[in-house]
Amino acid sequence: MIGLDIYVSSGEGKPKETEFRTTVYKRELEQIYNLKLKSARSFFTEVNKRFPTLPFSLRAFEDQTAAKVGQRECFEHGMILPYYVLADKAGEYVAQFHTTIAVQPRSTAILSGNLPLDVSRFESEHSIKDEGLKTLLASGLWKDEKAKKK
């Protein structure tokens, strides 16, 4: 599975982290650590039960005060990663598009974020110059297995 994040800015295109506190996190699957605080252990247990691989907000927890305390130790030891609040210059907007893609032997499946993204509305300073790669990307990489069976 691949998590793909696309950031779009109405300004220069170089978003930076702001001083605003983030409340949305995701679990880091490869990180292992024995948590010391009881609130951190209970917080991490609930994260593993309810949000094993998907992003979550601290508002989703029943006891938000205990969640904030537990989240702190988990964050300090890299057990969870924040989705930072990003901003460009004043008056400019930053948007983030996230999708989860499963690359399978015979097809590619979009698991989340399957809304169409109109890239013609955006300008990029980067482009693909290789013609072979352009034709490969224009081909049906995102084949739908249901349509194939019909």
Protein backbone atom coordinates (compact mmCIF):
# COMPACT_ATOMS: atom_id res chain seq x y z
CA MET A 1 0.00 0.00 0.00
CA ILE A 2 1.11 3.51 -0.78
CA GLY A 3 -0.03 6.69 0.92
CA LEU A 4 0.10 9.59 -1.51
CA ASP A 5 -0.05 13.18 -0.22
CA ILE A 6 -0.50 16.07 -2.65
CA TYR A 7 -0.11 19.62 -1.37
CA VAL A 8 -1.48 22.54 -3.37
CA SER A 9 -0.88 26.18 -2.54
CA SER A 10 -2.30 29.37 -4.01
CA GLY A 11 0.99 31.11 -3.19
CA GLU A 12 4.58 30.21 -4.00
CA GLY A 13 3.98 26.53 -3.36
CA LYS A 14 6.26 26.19 -0.37
CA PRO A 15 4.00 25.53 2.62
CA LYS A 16 5.55 25.66 6.08
CA GLU A 17 4.45 24.32 9.46
CA THR A 18 2.55 26.83 11.56
CA GLU A 19 2.44 27.38 15.30
CA PHE A 20 -1.08 25.91 15.45
CA ARG A 21 -1.38 22.69 17.42
CA THR A 22 -2.29 19.67 15.36
CA THR A 23 -5.01 17.27 16.49
CA VAL A 24 -4.85 14.75 13.63
CA TYR A 25 -2.34 11.91 13.83
CA LYS A 26 -1.51 8.60 12.20
CA ARG A 27 0.13 5.55 13.69
CA GLU A 28 3.73 4.74 12.75
CA LEU A 29 3.60 1.00 12.09
CA GLU A 30 7.35 0.26 12.21
CA GLN A 31 8.06 2.01 15.53
CA ILE A 32 8.11 -0.10 18.71
CA TYR A 33 8.58 1.28 22.24
CA ASN A 34 7.50 0.23 25.74
CA LEU A 35 5.46 3.17 26.99
CA LYS A 36 5.95 4.14 30.63
CA LEU A 37 2.78 6.07 31.49
CA LYS A 38 -0.47 4.17 32.04
CA SER A 39 -2.42 6.84 30.14
CA ALA A 40 -0.05 6.49 27.17
CA ARG A 41 -0.44 2.71 27.13
CA SER A 42 -4.25 2.93 27.27
CA PHE A 43 -4.24 5.64 24.58
CA PHE A 44 -2.03 3.54 22.29
CA THR A 45 -4.14 0.43 22.90
CA GLU A 46 -7.26 2.32 21.85
CA VAL A 47 -5.46 3.71 18.78
CA ASN A 48 -4.48 0.17 17.77
CA LYS A 49 -8.05 -1.09 18.22
CA ARG A 50 -9.94 1.75 16.54
CA PHE A 51 -7.44 3.29 14.09
CA PRO A 52 -4.75 0.70 13.28
CA THR A 53 -3.68 2.26 9.98
CA LEU A 54 -5.91 5.27 9.34
CA PRO A 55 -5.51 8.86 10.56
CA PHE A 56 -7.44 9.85 13.67
CA SER A 57 -8.36 12.97 15.60
CA LEU A 58 -8.03 13.45 19.35
CA ARG A 59 -11.72 14.41 19.37
CA ALA A 60 -12.58 10.78 18.61
CA PHE A 61 -11.55 9.73 22.12
CA GLU A 62 -14.02 9.68 24.97
CA ASP A 63 -11.60 11.12 27.57
CA GLN A 64 -9.81 13.84 25.61
CA THR A 65 -7.64 14.97 28.54
CA ALA A 66 -6.20 11.47 29.01
CA ALA A 67 -5.79 11.20 25.22
CA LYS A 68 -3.71 14.41 25.14
CA VAL A 69 -1.46 13.12 27.93
CA GLY A 70 -1.05 9.71 26.27
CA GLN A 71 -0.53 11.25 22.85
CA ARG A 72 2.40 13.29 24.13
CA GLU A 73 4.52 10.27 25.13
CA CYS A 74 3.56 8.37 21.97
CA PHE A 75 4.58 11.37 19.85
CA GLU A 76 7.90 11.86 21.70
CA HIS A 77 8.89 8.26 20.95
CA GLY A 78 7.72 8.26 17.33
CA MET A 79 4.77 5.91 17.84
CA ILE A 80 2.39 8.36 16.16
CA LEU A 81 3.04 11.02 13.53
CA PRO A 82 1.16 14.34 13.29
CA TYR A 83 -0.48 15.88 10.26
CA TYR A 84 0.92 19.39 10.69
CA VAL A 85 -1.11 22.50 9.99
CA LEU A 86 0.54 24.06 6.93
CA ALA A 87 0.41 27.62 5.69
CA ASP A 88 1.95 29.76 2.97
CA LYS A 89 2.19 33.54 3.10
CA ALA A 90 -0.65 35.53 4.66
CA GLY A 91 -3.79 35.48 2.53
CA GLU A 92 -2.73 32.35 0.62
CA TYR A 93 -4.38 28.93 0.90
CA VAL A 94 -2.88 25.46 1.28
CA ALA A 95 -4.86 22.28 0.58
CA GLN A 96 -3.82 18.68 1.09
CA PHE A 97 -5.17 15.73 -0.87
CA HIS A 98 -4.46 12.26 0.53
CA THR A 99 -5.16 8.92 -1.08
CA THR A 100 -4.28 5.35 -0.19
CA ILE A 101 -3.38 3.07 -3.09
CA ALA A 102 -2.95 -0.71 -3.07
CA VAL A 103 -0.62 -1.98 -5.79
CA GLN A 104 -1.58 -5.56 -6.57
CA PRO A 105 -0.02 -8.00 -9.06
CA ARG A 106 -2.79 -7.58 -11.65
CA SER A 107 -4.27 -4.21 -10.87
CA THR A 108 -4.04 -1.05 -8.81
CA ALA A 109 -6.85 -0.18 -6.41
CA ILE A 110 -7.59 3.19 -4.87
CA LEU A 111 -8.70 2.47 -1.30
CA SER A 112 -9.46 6.00 -0.10
CA GLY A 113 -9.58 9.47 -1.56
CA ASN A 114 -11.11 8.27 -4.81
CA LEU A 115 -12.45 11.72 -5.72
CA PRO A 116 -11.33 12.99 -9.11
CA LEU A 117 -8.58 15.60 -8.90
CA ASP A 118 -8.75 18.17 -11.70
CA VAL A 119 -5.03 18.77 -12.26
CA SER A 120 -5.74 21.20 -15.10
CA ARG A 121 -6.59 23.79 -12.44
CA PHE A 122 -3.06 23.67 -11.00
CA GLU A 123 0.31 24.74 -12.34
CA SER A 124 3.50 22.89 -11.43
CA GLU A 125 7.14 23.74 -11.83
CA HIS A 126 7.89 20.05 -12.45
CA SER A 127 6.92 17.98 -15.48
CA ILE A 128 7.60 14.58 -17.03
CA LYS A 129 9.83 14.84 -20.08
CA ASP A 130 10.21 11.15 -21.03
CA GLU A 131 7.67 10.30 -23.76
CA GLY A 132 7.65 6.59 -22.88
CA LEU A 133 6.75 7.39 -19.29
CA LYS A 134 4.02 9.80 -20.44
CA THR A 135 2.35 7.08 -22.54
CA LEU A 136 2.63 4.62 -19.65
CA LEU A 137 0.92 7.07 -17.30
CA ALA A 138 -1.79 7.79 -19.90
CA SER A 139 -2.58 4.06 -20.16
CA GLY A 140 -5.06 2.35 -17.84
CA LEU A 141 -3.03 2.06 -14.65
CA TRP A 142 -6.14 2.38 -12.49
CA LYS A 143 -8.06 -0.61 -13.81
CA ASP A 144 -11.31 -1.44 -12.08
CA GLU A 145 -11.60 -5.18 -11.42
CA LYS A 146 -15.43 -5.02 -11.38
CA ALA A 147 -15.53 -3.60 -14.91
CA LYS A 148 -13.08 -6.25 -16.04
CA LYS A 149 -15.29 -9.12 -14.77
CA LYS A 150 -18.36 -7.82 -16.64
